[in-house]
Amino acid sequence: MIRLVVLFSLAAALVAAGVAIAAGNPAAGKKVYAANGCGGCHTFKPAGSTGTIGPALTKVRLAADAKRAEQPPTTFIRTSIVKPRAFVASGYKPVMPSFSKLSTKQLDDLVAFIAKG
């Protein structure tokens, strides 16, 4: 019981500090990425995609954009998927559609895949 309390306290402290906990499965997220046509617009080496309509999904780019948006990287990725006009990357037009139709699991998996890079 004490371990459980400590675990929940640690998780709460991380969330309060703005550290998002990745809950998804990156391997399943790769399938979500492919099934939703993300690669048609984004370059992302782990997916083998070379789209250029949207920004490349590199760790450096995502970290820089997350910093400018004042969000932890995983929060930034999630927000960018469901509310893409909340932050538009410099040099790009706000053309990304919202993927708010994804289930919570699909979204968790996709965020984990992109964050893993």
PDB file of N, CA and C in Angstrom:
ATOM      1  N   MET A   1       0.825  -1.191   0.000  1.00  0.00           N
ATOM      2  CA  MET A   1       0.000   0.000   0.000  1.00  0.00           C
ATOM      3  C   MET A   1       0.874   1.261   0.000  1.00  0.00           C
ATOM      4  N   ILE A   2       1.957   1.230   0.789  1.00  0.00           N
ATOM      5  CA  ILE A   2       2.847   2.387   0.850  1.00  0.00           C
ATOM      6  C   ILE A   2       3.487   2.635  -0.509  1.00  0.00           C
ATOM      7  N   ARG A   3       3.865   1.555  -1.197  1.00  0.00           N
ATOM      8  CA  ARG A   3       4.462   1.712  -2.533  1.00  0.00           C
ATOM      9  C   ARG A   3       3.494   2.393  -3.490  1.00  0.00           C
ATOM     10  N   LEU A   4       2.230   2.011  -3.405  1.00  0.00           N
ATOM     11  CA  LEU A   4       1.218   2.595  -4.274  1.00  0.00           C
ATOM     12  C   LEU A   4       1.059   4.087  -3.992  1.00  0.00           C
ATOM     13  N   VAL A   5       1.049   4.465  -2.741  1.00  0.00           N
ATOM     14  CA  VAL A   5       0.938   5.871  -2.362  1.00  0.00           C
ATOM     15  C   VAL A   5       2.152   6.648  -2.875  1.00  0.00           C
ATOM     16  N   VAL A   6       3.331   6.068  -2.722  1.00  0.00           N
ATOM     17  CA  VAL A   6       4.549   6.723  -3.205  1.00  0.00           C
ATOM     18  C   VAL A   6       4.506   6.876  -4.720  1.00  0.00           C
ATOM     19  N   LEU A   7       4.060   5.849  -5.412  1.00  0.00           N
ATOM     20  CA  LEU A   7       3.962   5.889  -6.870  1.00  0.00           C
ATOM     21  C   LEU A   7       2.995   6.978  -7.331  1.00  0.00           C
ATOM     22  N   PHE A   8       1.825   7.041  -6.715  1.00  0.00           N
ATOM     23  CA  PHE A   8       0.854   8.074  -7.080  1.00  0.00           C
ATOM     24  C   PHE A   8       1.378   9.467  -6.743  1.00  0.00           C
ATOM     25  N   SER A   9       2.079   9.601  -5.629  1.00  0.00           N
ATOM     26  CA  SER A   9       2.656  10.888  -5.246  1.00  0.00           C
ATOM     27  C   SER A   9       3.704  11.327  -6.255  1.00  0.00           C
ATOM     28  N   LEU A  10       4.531  10.393  -6.696  1.00  0.00           N
ATOM     29  CA  LEU A  10       5.547  10.696  -7.701  1.00  0.00           C
ATOM     30  C   LEU A  10       4.897  11.121  -9.009  1.00  0.00           C
ATOM     31  N   ALA A  11       3.891  10.388  -9.436  1.00  0.00           N
ATOM     32  CA  ALA A  11       3.190  10.730 -10.680  1.00  0.00           C
ATOM     33  C   ALA A  11       2.554  12.111 -10.572  1.00  0.00           C
ATOM     34  N   ALA A  12       1.937  12.409  -9.450  1.00  0.00           N
ATOM     35  CA  ALA A  12       1.307  13.717  -9.256  1.00  0.00           C
ATOM     36  C   ALA A  12       2.352  14.828  -9.275  1.00  0.00           C
ATOM     37  N   ALA A  13       3.500  14.581  -8.660  1.00  0.00           N
ATOM     38  CA  ALA A  13       4.569  15.577  -8.648  1.00  0.00           C
ATOM     39  C   ALA A  13       5.101  15.829 -10.053  1.00  0.00           C
ATOM     40  N   LEU A  14       5.252  14.781 -10.847  1.00  0.00           N
ATOM     41  CA  LEU A  14       5.734  14.942 -12.224  1.00  0.00           C
ATOM     42  C   LEU A  14       4.744  15.740 -13.060  1.00  0.00           C
ATOM     43  N   VAL A  15       3.470  15.426 -12.923  1.00  0.00           N
ATOM     44  CA  VAL A  15       2.438  16.147 -13.676  1.00  0.00           C
ATOM     45  C   VAL A  15       2.413  17.611 -13.242  1.00  0.00           C
ATOM     46  N   ALA A  16       2.476  17.851 -11.932  1.00  0.00           N
ATOM     47  CA  ALA A  16       2.481  19.224 -11.412  1.00  0.00           C
ATOM     48  C   ALA A  16       3.685  20.004 -11.917  1.00  0.00           C
ATOM     49  N   ALA A  17       4.793  19.321 -12.117  1.00  0.00           N
ATOM     50  CA  ALA A  17       6.006  19.975 -12.610  1.00  0.00           C
ATOM     51  C   ALA A  17       6.002  20.151 -14.122  1.00  0.00           C
ATOM     52  N   GLY A  18       4.945  19.678 -14.768  1.00  0.00           N
ATOM     53  CA  GLY A  18       4.850  19.822 -16.219  1.00  0.00           C
ATOM     54  C   GLY A  18       5.524  18.716 -16.988  1.00  0.00           C
ATOM     55  N   VAL A  19       5.862  17.622 -16.325  1.00  0.00           N
ATOM     56  CA  VAL A  19       6.480  16.489 -17.005  1.00  0.00           C
ATOM     57  C   VAL A  19       5.370  15.513 -17.375  1.00  0.00           C
ATOM     58  N   ALA A  20       5.114  15.370 -18.648  1.00  0.00           N
ATOM     59  CA  ALA A  20       4.065  14.462 -19.083  1.00  0.00           C
ATOM     60  C   ALA A  20       4.586  13.033 -19.082  1.00  0.00           C
ATOM     61  N   ILE A  21       3.737  12.128 -18.672  1.00  0.00           N
ATOM     62  CA  ILE A  21       4.106  10.723 -18.625  1.00  0.00           C
ATOM     63  C   ILE A  21       3.559  10.052 -19.883  1.00  0.00           C
ATOM     64  N   ALA A  22       4.435   9.465 -20.682  1.00  0.00           N
ATOM     65  CA  ALA A  22       4.004   8.788 -21.903  1.00  0.00           C
ATOM     66  C   ALA A  22       3.272   7.508 -21.525  1.00  0.00           C
ATOM     67  N   ALA A  23       2.032   7.401 -21.958  1.00  0.00           N
ATOM     68  CA  ALA A  23       1.223   6.254 -21.589  1.00  0.00           C
ATOM     69  C   ALA A  23       0.995   5.309 -22.752  1.00  0.00           C
ATOM     70  N   GLY A  24       1.390   5.706 -23.927  1.00  0.00           N
ATOM     71  CA  GLY A  24       1.062   4.927 -25.108  1.00  0.00           C
ATOM     72  C   GLY A  24       2.112   3.914 -25.506  1.00  0.00           C
ATOM     73  N   ASN A  25       1.745   3.153 -26.525  1.00  0.00           N
ATOM     74  CA  ASN A  25       2.596   2.113 -27.089  1.00  0.00           C
ATOM     75  C   ASN A  25       3.134   2.628 -28.430  1.00  0.00           C
ATOM     76  N   PRO A  26       4.431   2.935 -28.512  1.00  0.00           N
ATOM     77  CA  PRO A  26       4.985   3.475 -29.761  1.00  0.00           C
ATOM     78  C   PRO A  26       4.761   2.578 -30.981  1.00  0.00           C
ATOM     79  N   ALA A  27       4.835   1.257 -30.810  1.00  0.00           N
ATOM     80  CA  ALA A  27       4.629   0.352 -31.955  1.00  0.00           C
ATOM     81  C   ALA A  27       3.204   0.473 -32.482  1.00  0.00           C
ATOM     82  N   ALA A  28       2.246   0.574 -31.576  1.00  0.00           N
ATOM     83  CA  ALA A  28       0.849   0.760 -32.004  1.00  0.00           C
ATOM     84  C   ALA A  28       0.675   2.153 -32.602  1.00  0.00           C
ATOM     85  N   GLY A  29       1.410   3.133 -32.063  1.00  0.00           N
ATOM     86  CA  GLY A  29       1.341   4.494 -32.584  1.00  0.00           C
ATOM     87  C   GLY A  29       1.827   4.607 -34.013  1.00  0.00           C
ATOM     88  N   LYS A  30       2.787   3.773 -34.384  1.00  0.00           N
ATOM     89  CA  LYS A  30       3.277   3.768 -35.769  1.00  0.00           C
ATOM     90  C   LYS A  30       2.151   3.380 -36.712  1.00  0.00           C
ATOM     91  N   LYS A  31       1.321   2.451 -36.291  1.00  0.00           N
ATOM     92  CA  LYS A  31       0.168   2.040 -37.110  1.00  0.00           C
ATOM     93  C   LYS A  31      -0.859   3.161 -37.204  1.00  0.00           C
ATOM     94  N   VAL A  32      -1.082   3.880 -36.100  1.00  0.00           N
ATOM     95  CA  VAL A  32      -2.012   5.013 -36.110  1.00  0.00           C
ATOM     96  C   VAL A  32      -1.486   6.088 -37.052  1.00  0.00           C
ATOM     97  N   TYR A  33      -0.195   6.348 -36.999  1.00  0.00           N
ATOM     98  CA  TYR A  33       0.457   7.330 -37.877  1.00  0.00           C
ATOM     99  C   TYR A  33       0.192   6.979 -39.344  1.00  0.00           C
ATOM    100  N   ALA A  34       0.419   5.734 -39.698  1.00  0.00           N
ATOM    101  CA  ALA A  34       0.232   5.295 -41.086  1.00  0.00           C
ATOM    102  C   ALA A  34      -1.239   5.314 -41.488  1.00  0.00           C
ATOM    103  N   ALA A  35      -2.101   4.848 -40.624  1.00  0.00           N
ATOM    104  CA  ALA A  35      -3.531   4.742 -40.946  1.00  0.00           C
ATOM    105  C   ALA A  35      -4.196   6.099 -41.130  1.00  0.00           C
ATOM    106  N   ASN A  36      -3.628   7.138 -40.523  1.00  0.00           N
ATOM    107  CA  ASN A  36      -4.244   8.462 -40.601  1.00  0.00           C
ATOM    108  C   ASN A  36      -3.544   9.397 -41.580  1.00  0.00           C
ATOM    109  N   GLY A  37      -2.614   8.861 -42.353  1.00  0.00           N
ATOM    110  CA  GLY A  37      -1.977   9.630 -43.419  1.00  0.00           C
ATOM    111  C   GLY A  37      -1.024  10.709 -42.953  1.00  0.00           C
ATOM    112  N   CYS A  38      -0.510  10.595 -41.737  1.00  0.00           N
ATOM    113  CA  CYS A  38       0.396  11.619 -41.198  1.00  0.00           C
ATOM    114  C   CYS A  38       1.626  11.814 -42.081  1.00  0.00           C
ATOM    115  N   GLY A  39       2.112  10.724 -42.660  1.00  0.00           N
ATOM    116  CA  GLY A  39       3.303  10.775 -43.486  1.00  0.00           C
ATOM    117  C   GLY A  39       3.122  11.516 -44.796  1.00  0.00           C
ATOM    118  N   GLY A  40       1.885  11.760 -45.183  1.00  0.00           N
ATOM    119  CA  GLY A  40       1.635  12.528 -46.391  1.00  0.00           C
ATOM    120  C   GLY A  40       2.027  13.991 -46.237  1.00  0.00           C
ATOM    121  N   CYS A  41       2.108  14.445 -44.982  1.00  0.00           N
ATOM    122  CA  CYS A  41       2.432  15.840 -44.713  1.00  0.00           C
ATOM    123  C   CYS A  41       3.721  16.035 -43.922  1.00  0.00           C
ATOM    124  N   HIS A  42       4.123  15.029 -43.162  1.00  0.00           N
ATOM    125  CA  HIS A  42       5.286  15.182 -42.286  1.00  0.00           C
ATOM    126  C   HIS A  42       6.416  14.218 -42.635  1.00  0.00           C
ATOM    127  N   THR A  43       7.630  14.712 -42.573  1.00  0.00           N
ATOM    128  CA  THR A  43       8.805  13.857 -42.633  1.00  0.00           C
ATOM    129  C   THR A  43       9.025  13.334 -41.221  1.00  0.00           C
ATOM    130  N   PHE A  44       9.158  12.019 -41.108  1.00  0.00           N
ATOM    131  CA  PHE A  44       9.413  11.395 -39.809  1.00  0.00           C
ATOM    132  C   PHE A  44      10.147  10.101 -40.074  1.00  0.00           C
ATOM    133  N   LYS A  45      11.451  10.113 -39.815  1.00  0.00           N
ATOM    134  CA  LYS A  45      12.302   8.968 -40.151  1.00  0.00           C
ATOM    135  C   LYS A  45      11.810   7.644 -39.585  1.00  0.00           C
ATOM    136  N   PRO A  46      11.371   7.570 -38.316  1.00  0.00           N
ATOM    137  CA  PRO A  46      10.921   6.274 -37.789  1.00  0.00           C
ATOM    138  C   PRO A  46       9.739   5.673 -38.561  1.00  0.00           C
ATOM    139  N   ALA A  47       8.989   6.528 -39.251  1.00  0.00           N
ATOM    140  CA  ALA A  47       7.857   6.047 -40.041  1.00  0.00           C
ATOM    141  C   ALA A  47       8.229   5.897 -41.510  1.00  0.00           C
ATOM    142  N   GLY A  48       9.409   6.367 -41.879  1.00  0.00           N
ATOM    143  CA  GLY A  48       9.810   6.325 -43.282  1.00  0.00           C
ATOM    144  C   GLY A  48       9.031   7.301 -44.142  1.00  0.00           C
ATOM    145  N   SER A  49       8.519   8.364 -43.533  1.00  0.00           N
ATOM    146  CA  SER A  49       7.721   9.324 -44.298  1.00  0.00           C
ATOM    147  C   SER A  49       8.538  10.556 -44.660  1.00  0.00           C
ATOM    148  N   THR A  50       8.157  11.168 -45.784  1.00  0.00           N
ATOM    149  CA  THR A  50       8.922  12.293 -46.309  1.00  0.00           C
ATOM    150  C   THR A  50       8.045  13.469 -46.729  1.00  0.00           C
ATOM    151  N   GLY A  51       6.884  13.608 -46.122  1.00  0.00           N
ATOM    152  CA  GLY A  51       5.998  14.724 -46.456  1.00  0.00           C
ATOM    153  C   GLY A  51       6.629  16.053 -46.106  1.00  0.00           C
ATOM    154  N   THR A  52       6.236  17.098 -46.850  1.00  0.00           N
ATOM    155  CA  THR A  52       6.821  18.422 -46.617  1.00  0.00           C
ATOM    156  C   THR A  52       5.778  19.519 -46.418  1.00  0.00           C
ATOM    157  N   ILE A  53       4.512  19.175 -46.368  1.00  0.00           N
ATOM    158  CA  ILE A  53       3.466  20.185 -46.163  1.00  0.00           C
ATOM    159  C   ILE A  53       3.538  20.723 -44.730  1.00  0.00           C
ATOM    160  N   GLY A  54       3.816  19.835 -43.781  1.00  0.00           N
ATOM    161  CA  GLY A  54       3.955  20.218 -42.375  1.00  0.00           C
ATOM    162  C   GLY A  54       5.401  20.079 -41.958  1.00  0.00           C
ATOM    163  N   PRO A  55       5.720  20.536 -40.763  1.00  0.00           N
ATOM    164  CA  PRO A  55       7.111  20.468 -40.304  1.00  0.00           C
ATOM    165  C   PRO A  55       7.577  19.030 -40.095  1.00  0.00           C
ATOM    166  N   ALA A  56       8.863  18.834 -40.249  1.00  0.00           N
ATOM    167  CA  ALA A  56       9.464  17.527 -39.973  1.00  0.00           C
ATOM    168  C   ALA A  56       9.326  17.255 -38.476  1.00  0.00           C
ATOM    169  N   LEU A  57       9.058  16.006 -38.140  1.00  0.00           N
ATOM    170  CA  LEU A  57       8.866  15.625 -36.746  1.00  0.00           C
ATOM    171  C   LEU A  57      10.172  15.071 -36.179  1.00  0.00           C
ATOM    172  N   THR A  58      11.112  15.981 -36.002  1.00  0.00           N
ATOM    173  CA  THR A  58      12.387  15.599 -35.400  1.00  0.00           C
ATOM    174  C   THR A  58      12.350  15.987 -33.923  1.00  0.00           C
ATOM    175  N   LYS A  59      13.157  15.318 -33.115  1.00  0.00           N
ATOM    176  CA  LYS A  59      13.198  15.644 -31.684  1.00  0.00           C
ATOM    177  C   LYS A  59      13.603  17.100 -31.473  1.00  0.00           C
ATOM    178  N   VAL A  60      14.554  17.573 -32.262  1.00  0.00           N
ATOM    179  CA  VAL A  60      15.026  18.953 -32.120  1.00  0.00           C
ATOM    180  C   VAL A  60      13.909  19.930 -32.440  1.00  0.00           C
ATOM    181  N   ARG A  61      13.224  19.697 -33.544  1.00  0.00           N
ATOM    182  CA  ARG A  61      12.134  20.598 -33.954  1.00  0.00           C
ATOM    183  C   ARG A  61      10.992  20.568 -32.949  1.00  0.00           C
ATOM    184  N   LEU A  62      10.598  19.359 -32.520  1.00  0.00           N
ATOM    185  CA  LEU A  62       9.508  19.247 -31.562  1.00  0.00           C
ATOM    186  C   LEU A  62       9.857  19.914 -30.235  1.00  0.00           C
ATOM    187  N   ALA A  63      11.090  19.736 -29.773  1.00  0.00           N
ATOM    188  CA  ALA A  63      11.509  20.357 -28.513  1.00  0.00           C
ATOM    189  C   ALA A  63      11.498  21.881 -28.625  1.00  0.00           C
ATOM    190  N   ALA A  64      11.977  22.399 -29.737  1.00  0.00           N
ATOM    191  CA  ALA A  64      12.010  23.849 -29.935  1.00  0.00           C
ATOM    192  C   ALA A  64      10.599  24.424 -30.009  1.00  0.00           C
ATOM    193  N   ASP A  65       9.716  23.767 -30.762  1.00  0.00           N
ATOM    194  CA  ASP A  65       8.341  24.252 -30.876  1.00  0.00           C
ATOM    195  C   ASP A  65       7.604  24.128 -29.544  1.00  0.00           C
ATOM    196  N   ALA A  66       7.845  23.049 -28.820  1.00  0.00           N
ATOM    197  CA  ALA A  66       7.217  22.876 -27.503  1.00  0.00           C
ATOM    198  C   ALA A  66       7.668  23.984 -26.558  1.00  0.00           C
ATOM    199  N   LYS A  67       8.942  24.335 -26.625  1.00  0.00           N
ATOM    200  CA  LYS A  67       9.463  25.408 -25.772  1.00  0.00           C
ATOM    201  C   LYS A  67       8.800  26.734 -26.117  1.00  0.00           C
ATOM    202  N   ARG A  68       8.665  27.025 -27.422  1.00  0.00           N
ATOM    203  CA  ARG A  68       8.012  28.263 -27.848  1.00  0.00           C
ATOM    204  C   ARG A  68       6.546  28.285 -27.439  1.00  0.00           C
ATOM    205  N   ALA A  69       5.915  27.114 -27.434  1.00  0.00           N
ATOM    206  CA  ALA A  69       4.508  27.024 -27.032  1.00  0.00           C
ATOM    207  C   ALA A  69       4.365  26.934 -25.509  1.00  0.00           C
ATOM    208  N   GLU A  70       5.509  26.880 -24.814  1.00  0.00           N
ATOM    209  CA  GLU A  70       5.549  26.794 -23.351  1.00  0.00           C
ATOM    210  C   GLU A  70       4.793  25.571 -22.827  1.00  0.00           C
ATOM    211  N   GLN A  71       5.091  24.423 -23.450  1.00  0.00           N
ATOM    212  CA  GLN A  71       4.471  23.160 -23.059  1.00  0.00           C
ATOM    213  C   GLN A  71       5.538  22.067 -23.019  1.00  0.00           C
ATOM    214  N   PRO A  72       5.352  21.058 -22.163  1.00  0.00           N
ATOM    215  CA  PRO A  72       6.237  19.893 -22.231  1.00  0.00           C
ATOM    216  C   PRO A  72       6.060  19.233 -23.601  1.00  0.00           C
ATOM    217  N   PRO A  73       7.092  18.579 -24.132  1.00  0.00           N
ATOM    218  CA  PRO A  73       7.001  17.995 -25.481  1.00  0.00           C
ATOM    219  C   PRO A  73       5.798  17.078 -25.716  1.00  0.00           C
ATOM    220  N   THR A  74       5.502  16.163 -24.797  1.00  0.00           N
ATOM    221  CA  THR A  74       4.375  15.252 -25.063  1.00  0.00           C
ATOM    222  C   THR A  74       3.042  15.985 -25.037  1.00  0.00           C
ATOM    223  N   THR A  75       2.921  16.989 -24.182  1.00  0.00           N
ATOM    224  CA  THR A  75       1.696  17.803 -24.165  1.00  0.00           C
ATOM    225  C   THR A  75       1.577  18.566 -25.470  1.00  0.00           C
ATOM    226  N   PHE A  76       2.699  19.112 -25.936  1.00  0.00           N
ATOM    227  CA  PHE A  76       2.712  19.846 -27.198  1.00  0.00           C
ATOM    228  C   PHE A  76       2.308  18.945 -28.365  1.00  0.00           C
ATOM    229  N   ILE A  77       2.845  17.745 -28.407  1.00  0.00           N
ATOM    230  CA  ILE A  77       2.510  16.813 -29.493  1.00  0.00           C
ATOM    231  C   ILE A  77       1.019  16.504 -29.463  1.00  0.00           C
ATOM    232  N   ARG A  78       0.486  16.174 -28.295  1.00  0.00           N
ATOM    233  CA  ARG A  78      -0.940  15.849 -28.156  1.00  0.00           C
ATOM    234  C   ARG A  78      -1.807  17.030 -28.590  1.00  0.00           C
ATOM    235  N   THR A  79      -1.492  18.217 -28.115  1.00  0.00           N
ATOM    236  CA  THR A  79      -2.262  19.403 -28.472  1.00  0.00           C
ATOM    237  C   THR A  79      -2.200  19.654 -29.971  1.00  0.00           C
ATOM    238  N   SER A  80      -1.021  19.469 -30.554  1.00  0.00           N
ATOM    239  CA  SER A  80      -0.856  19.694 -31.990  1.00  0.00           C
ATOM    240  C   SER A  80      -1.687  18.737 -32.826  1.00  0.00           C
ATOM    241  N   ILE A  81      -1.971  17.566 -32.295  1.00  0.00           N
ATOM    242  CA  ILE A  81      -2.773  16.573 -33.015  1.00  0.00           C
ATOM    243  C   ILE A  81      -4.267  16.895 -32.918  1.00  0.00           C
ATOM    244  N   VAL A  82      -4.724  17.260 -31.740  1.00  0.00           N
ATOM    245  CA  VAL A  82      -6.168  17.475 -31.558  1.00  0.00           C
ATOM    246  C   VAL A  82      -6.605  18.922 -31.758  1.00  0.00           C
ATOM    247  N   LYS A  83      -5.680  19.873 -31.553  1.00  0.00           N
ATOM    248  CA  LYS A  83      -5.974  21.298 -31.766  1.00  0.00           C
ATOM    249  C   LYS A  83      -4.816  21.922 -32.534  1.00  0.00           C
ATOM    250  N   PRO A  84      -4.655  21.541 -33.788  1.00  0.00           N
ATOM    251  CA  PRO A  84      -3.455  21.948 -34.535  1.00  0.00           C
ATOM    252  C   PRO A  84      -3.297  23.449 -34.743  1.00  0.00           C
ATOM    253  N   ARG A  85      -4.350  24.205 -34.589  1.00  0.00           N
ATOM    254  CA  ARG A  85      -4.219  25.649 -34.782  1.00  0.00           C
ATOM    255  C   ARG A  85      -3.826  26.374 -33.490  1.00  0.00           C
ATOM    256  N   ALA A  86      -3.684  25.639 -32.396  1.00  0.00           N
ATOM    257  CA  ALA A  86      -3.269  26.242 -31.129  1.00  0.00           C
ATOM    258  C   ALA A  86      -1.836  26.756 -31.227  1.00  0.00           C
ATOM    259  N   PHE A  87      -1.019  26.107 -32.023  1.00  0.00           N
ATOM    260  CA  PHE A  87       0.357  26.540 -32.267  1.00  0.00           C
ATOM    261  C   PHE A  87       0.706  26.106 -33.680  1.00  0.00           C
ATOM    262  N   VAL A  88       1.027  27.046 -34.518  1.00  0.00           N
ATOM    263  CA  VAL A  88       1.420  26.738 -35.899  1.00  0.00           C
ATOM    264  C   VAL A  88       2.913  26.996 -36.025  1.00  0.00           C
ATOM    265  N   ALA A  89       3.634  25.980 -36.467  1.00  0.00           N
ATOM    266  CA  ALA A  89       5.084  26.085 -36.600  1.00  0.00           C
ATOM    267  C   ALA A  89       5.455  27.200 -37.564  1.00  0.00           C
ATOM    268  N   SER A  90       6.505  27.914 -37.212  1.00  0.00           N
ATOM    269  CA  SER A  90       7.001  29.011 -38.026  1.00  0.00           C
ATOM    270  C   SER A  90       7.295  28.522 -39.447  1.00  0.00           C
ATOM    271  N   GLY A  91       6.792  29.268 -40.431  1.00  0.00           N
ATOM    272  CA  GLY A  91       7.044  28.934 -41.827  1.00  0.00           C
ATOM    273  C   GLY A  91       5.995  28.016 -42.442  1.00  0.00           C
ATOM    274  N   TYR A  92       4.972  27.650 -41.667  1.00  0.00           N
ATOM    275  CA  TYR A  92       3.937  26.740 -42.160  1.00  0.00           C
ATOM    276  C   TYR A  92       2.569  27.382 -42.034  1.00  0.00           C
ATOM    277  N   LYS A  93       1.668  26.984 -42.917  1.00  0.00           N
ATOM    278  CA  LYS A  93       0.293  27.480 -42.884  1.00  0.00           C
ATOM    279  C   LYS A  93      -0.542  26.576 -41.971  1.00  0.00           C
ATOM    280  N   PRO A  94      -1.608  27.111 -41.391  1.00  0.00           N
ATOM    281  CA  PRO A  94      -2.457  26.314 -40.494  1.00  0.00           C
ATOM    282  C   PRO A  94      -3.419  25.412 -41.282  1.00  0.00           C
ATOM    283  N   VAL A  95      -2.868  24.394 -41.910  1.00  0.00           N
ATOM    284  CA  VAL A  95      -3.692  23.520 -42.758  1.00  0.00           C
ATOM    285  C   VAL A  95      -3.926  22.136 -42.166  1.00  0.00           C
ATOM    286  N   MET A  96      -3.284  21.819 -41.059  1.00  0.00           N
ATOM    287  CA  MET A  96      -3.454  20.483 -40.482  1.00  0.00           C
ATOM    288  C   MET A  96      -4.858  20.332 -39.912  1.00  0.00           C
ATOM    289  N   PRO A  97      -5.546  19.244 -40.289  1.00  0.00           N
ATOM    290  CA  PRO A  97      -6.867  19.004 -39.706  1.00  0.00           C
ATOM    291  C   PRO A  97      -6.726  18.472 -38.280  1.00  0.00           C
ATOM    292  N   SER A  98      -7.782  18.610 -37.512  1.00  0.00           N
ATOM    293  CA  SER A  98      -7.788  18.058 -36.157  1.00  0.00           C
ATOM    294  C   SER A  98      -7.998  16.549 -36.228  1.00  0.00           C
ATOM    295  N   PHE A  99      -7.306  15.839 -35.394  1.00  0.00           N
ATOM    296  CA  PHE A  99      -7.490  14.400 -35.287  1.00  0.00           C
ATOM    297  C   PHE A  99      -8.112  14.066 -33.942  1.00  0.00           C
ATOM    298  N   SER A 100      -9.051  14.926 -33.511  1.00  0.00           N
ATOM    299  CA  SER A 100      -9.732  14.726 -32.232  1.00  0.00           C
ATOM    300  C   SER A 100     -10.629  13.500 -32.257  1.00  0.00           C
ATOM    301  N   LYS A 101     -10.850  12.938 -33.432  1.00  0.00           N
ATOM    302  CA  LYS A 101     -11.675  11.729 -33.556  1.00  0.00           C
ATOM    303  C   LYS A 101     -10.945  10.471 -33.075  1.00  0.00           C
ATOM    304  N   LEU A 102      -9.650  10.569 -32.895  1.00  0.00           N
ATOM    305  CA  LEU A 102      -8.887   9.416 -32.418  1.00  0.00           C
ATOM    306  C   LEU A 102      -9.330   9.051 -31.009  1.00  0.00           C
ATOM    307  N   SER A 103      -9.355   7.768 -30.718  1.00  0.00           N
ATOM    308  CA  SER A 103      -9.669   7.342 -29.357  1.00  0.00           C
ATOM    309  C   SER A 103      -8.529   7.750 -28.433  1.00  0.00           C
ATOM    310  N   THR A 104      -8.768   7.727 -27.139  1.00  0.00           N
ATOM    311  CA  THR A 104      -7.729   8.064 -26.178  1.00  0.00           C
ATOM    312  C   THR A 104      -6.530   7.141 -26.346  1.00  0.00           C
ATOM    313  N   LYS A 105      -6.780   5.864 -26.557  1.00  0.00           N
ATOM    314  CA  LYS A 105      -5.686   4.903 -26.739  1.00  0.00           C
ATOM    315  C   LYS A 105      -4.902   5.212 -28.005  1.00  0.00           C
ATOM    316  N   GLN A 106      -5.596   5.460 -29.110  1.00  0.00           N
ATOM    317  CA  GLN A 106      -4.902   5.785 -30.361  1.00  0.00           C
ATOM    318  C   GLN A 106      -4.049   7.042 -30.191  1.00  0.00           C
ATOM    319  N   LEU A 107      -4.610   8.034 -29.524  1.00  0.00           N
ATOM    320  CA  LEU A 107      -3.887   9.282 -29.306  1.00  0.00           C
ATOM    321  C   LEU A 107      -2.665   9.053 -28.420  1.00  0.00           C
ATOM    322  N   ASP A 108      -2.841   8.294 -27.333  1.00  0.00           N
ATOM    323  CA  ASP A 108      -1.704   7.972 -26.457  1.00  0.00           C
ATOM    324  C   ASP A 108      -0.607   7.252 -27.233  1.00  0.00           C
ATOM    325  N   ASP A 109      -1.008   6.305 -28.073  1.00  0.00           N
ATOM    326  CA  ASP A 109      -0.040   5.533 -28.854  1.00  0.00           C
ATOM    327  C   ASP A 109       0.679   6.417 -29.870  1.00  0.00           C
ATOM    328  N   LEU A 110      -0.066   7.272 -30.550  1.00  0.00           N
ATOM    329  CA  LEU A 110       0.528   8.164 -31.548  1.00  0.00           C
ATOM    330  C   LEU A 110       1.510   9.147 -30.896  1.00  0.00           C
ATOM    331  N   VAL A 111       1.115   9.710 -29.774  1.00  0.00           N
ATOM    332  CA  VAL A 111       1.995  10.640 -29.053  1.00  0.00           C
ATOM    333  C   VAL A 111       3.278   9.913 -28.627  1.00  0.00           C
ATOM    334  N   ALA A 112       3.122   8.702 -28.115  1.00  0.00           N
ATOM    335  CA  ALA A 112       4.307   7.913 -27.688  1.00  0.00           C
ATOM    336  C   ALA A 112       5.226   7.630 -28.869  1.00  0.00           C
ATOM    337  N   PHE A 113       4.659   7.312 -30.030  1.00  0.00           N
ATOM    338  CA  PHE A 113       5.466   7.035 -31.227  1.00  0.00           C
ATOM    339  C   PHE A 113       6.239   8.268 -31.664  1.00  0.00           C
ATOM    340  N   ILE A 114       5.558   9.397 -31.738  1.00  0.00           N
ATOM    341  CA  ILE A 114       6.211  10.623 -32.189  1.00  0.00           C
ATOM    342  C   ILE A 114       7.251  11.075 -31.157  1.00  0.00           C
ATOM    343  N   ALA A 115       6.893  11.020 -29.880  1.00  0.00           N
ATOM    344  CA  ALA A 115       7.819  11.457 -28.832  1.00  0.00           C
ATOM    345  C   ALA A 115       9.072  10.594 -28.775  1.00  0.00           C
ATOM    346  N   LYS A 116       8.911   9.317 -29.064  1.00  0.00           N
ATOM    347  CA  LYS A 116      10.074   8.404 -29.041  1.00  0.00           C
ATOM    348  C   LYS A 116      11.055   8.750 -30.148  1.00  0.00           C
ATOM    349  N   GLY A 117      10.458   9.177 -31.295  1.00  0.00           N
ATOM    350  CA  GLY A 117      11.279   9.590 -32.431  1.00  0.00           C
ATOM    351  C   GLY A 117      12.186   8.547 -32.867  1.00  0.00           C
TER     352      GLY A 117
END
